[in-house]
Amino acid sequence: MVYLDLLRKLDKIVKIPDYHLIGITKDKLYYISNVDETYDLWCSEHNGNNKIKIVSKPLLTSRVRKNRNKLYFSLDVSKGKELAKIFCWEEGKIKEIDMEPIRIFSISYYEDFMVYSGSSQQENVVHLIRKDSENEKIFSTKSWIFIADINKNFVIGSGTLHNNPKSMEIFIYDLNKNEYKVYTPKEGSFNTVSSIHENKLLFASNFEGRKKLYIYDISYNELYEPSFEGKDYLNYNFQDYTSYYFTEDGKVWFIGLQDYRGYAFLDGYKINHPEGTPTFLDVLGNEIFISFSSLKIPYSIFKTKINNGWEKILGSSLDKEIYESLGEVSIIKYKSFDGLEIPSIVYKTNVPNSKNAIIYVHGGPWSHVGDFWTPSIISLVVSGFNVIAPNFRGSTGYGEEFRALDIGDPGGGDLKDIVYARNYVKENKLGEKVAIMGYSYGGFMSYLATVKEPDLWDAAVAGAGVVDWEMMYELADAAFKHFQDILFGGRNDLRKDRSAINFVEKIKVPICIIHPQNDSRTPLKPVLKYIEKLLEQGKTFEAHIIPDMGHIITSIEDVYKILFPAIVFLKKYLG
């Protein structure tokens, strides 16, 4: 009966529909939603009526343009291995692009030009399709390349183009001259460009210290900060920016992060939205459409205006039982081994007689846990666990200096930050027993924590994690070889020491392994060898291999197959 109750509550949580804004045209609203139990691409009228499902399970989509109901999207054609092809949807018709399947990172289009970046086994590439022309490779590199935008003159994007693991540069491809150049305001700075308007680039950079927004005018080779009519933004001290774009008339909107929460601005004026974190917005006339969520509000789409109230267009409310199980949320900072302050979210449960805690480790590692909807955390809290989610060194949202602290030391200082989160739990009596749980990079940290600090845990859950960096490098395509090159920052000697498979004999606690069969980012093969070693040494473990699933979660069924065995396992070994 206990497991049936867990499943019933989990069912309520994972079936709450998400709504993520893609963009708007003059008559259509485009969004991603799991309302049909898979993450699908939809369009509707601006008020959310007359919904049309365009396609199921797109991996990526392009931005939409105001004057045309057209967009491009990629679909996995390899059962989760992320080998994908691109398709075009226009006025209700879908056309397949003639191309070889590759891992695709970004897509953009302008009128009859379409450009995309991707990765094969050998190289990272940028391809261009001009009107009535063949699919043309315009350049390739060993570095990551992300397309940001395209107009009639230029393709722009960002990448680690100077092979410095702590920097990122902007590339500009001149479509008229067929010339490619790299731009950076300062060697060694971290720059990410988002959009182009009249040959002006909008980008974020830390070249003057704290990350700020800048405009670079290609035609005049001029660099300056954007000027805003409104001054609301001056009341904030942003640590990072998640999104920033030009509007059609050249104004700038952005979402800034400050202490876990996001705030949206248009031309310097604060946009009204509920308390939480917006993730994307689009502007049509004086109306603003915005994606939003919080730790207690699922992802929704709102319509608002400057200095006006908001209206929910698409969204859901929490079930009463789920809402009442969610306790106090607090933002705390604790000091790690070297005195560095680690910002964290503590999410308490309201479930009676609960006395145990989970250290939840986010993926990435260049990501963070903030004031946004996170079903895995919600499921743990509703199941009766207090949760602490640390934004360990290497997390985004706190500036480039903080984000770069794990480069050259994965599983070193960041793992110690996790250990000190466990110490915080004990010191503040948040849990008599403590487990560690994570997915992707969080899964790697769970594996490593059980062998580097085997006496500190009562159980561990590792989802889609890395157990052997050396074997993973051999199996990786060009994109994820480069990911490791950046992460380890040239410290190849660390790969063996930070691989849990080499220290299996040290494990003392039960571990739950959950891994997608067709994962091409963190391949299954090394995990199977790790399981074999666990078996040989008589360790206590569970293993759940999810068939026909890749690293990316594309359906509610995927969420069930990850969270249900994890929570049942934690209930068994923590109570």
Foldseek 3Di string as FASTA:
>chain_A
DLLVVLVVVLVQLLQFKAWAWQEEAQFKTWTWIQNVFFTFIWIDGPLQPPIDTQGAFFPDKEHDDHHFPKIKTWDDPDLFLQFIFMWMDGPNDIGTAPDGTFRWAEWEDEDQKIKTWGFDQAWTWIWIDHVPDHTGTLDIDLWDWYWAYDYPFWTKWKIPHVLFLLEMWMWIQGPVVSDIDIDDPDPRKHKTWHYDDPQKTWIWICPVHQIAIWIARPVVRDIDHDAAPAAQCVVDDFRDWQDWDAANVGWIKTWGFDQQAIWIDTSNATWDDDGFHWRDWHDDPQKIWTWGFFQQFHTFIWIGGGPTYIGTSGGDHRDPLLNQQWDDKDWDWDAFPVRDTWIKIKTATPPPPAAAAEEEEEADLAEAHGGGYDSLQSSCSSSRHIYIYINFQLYPRRGSVSNLPQAQPQLHRRLRVSVVVLVVCVVVRRHPAYEYEYAESSLLSQLQCCQVVVVSHAEYEHHLYAQAQVVLCVLAGSHLVNVVCSSNVPPPVCRHVSHSLNRLLRGDHEYEYEYECSERNRHCVVVVVSVVVCVVNVHHYHYHYHYSHYRDRGGSVSVCSRRSVVSVVCVVRRD
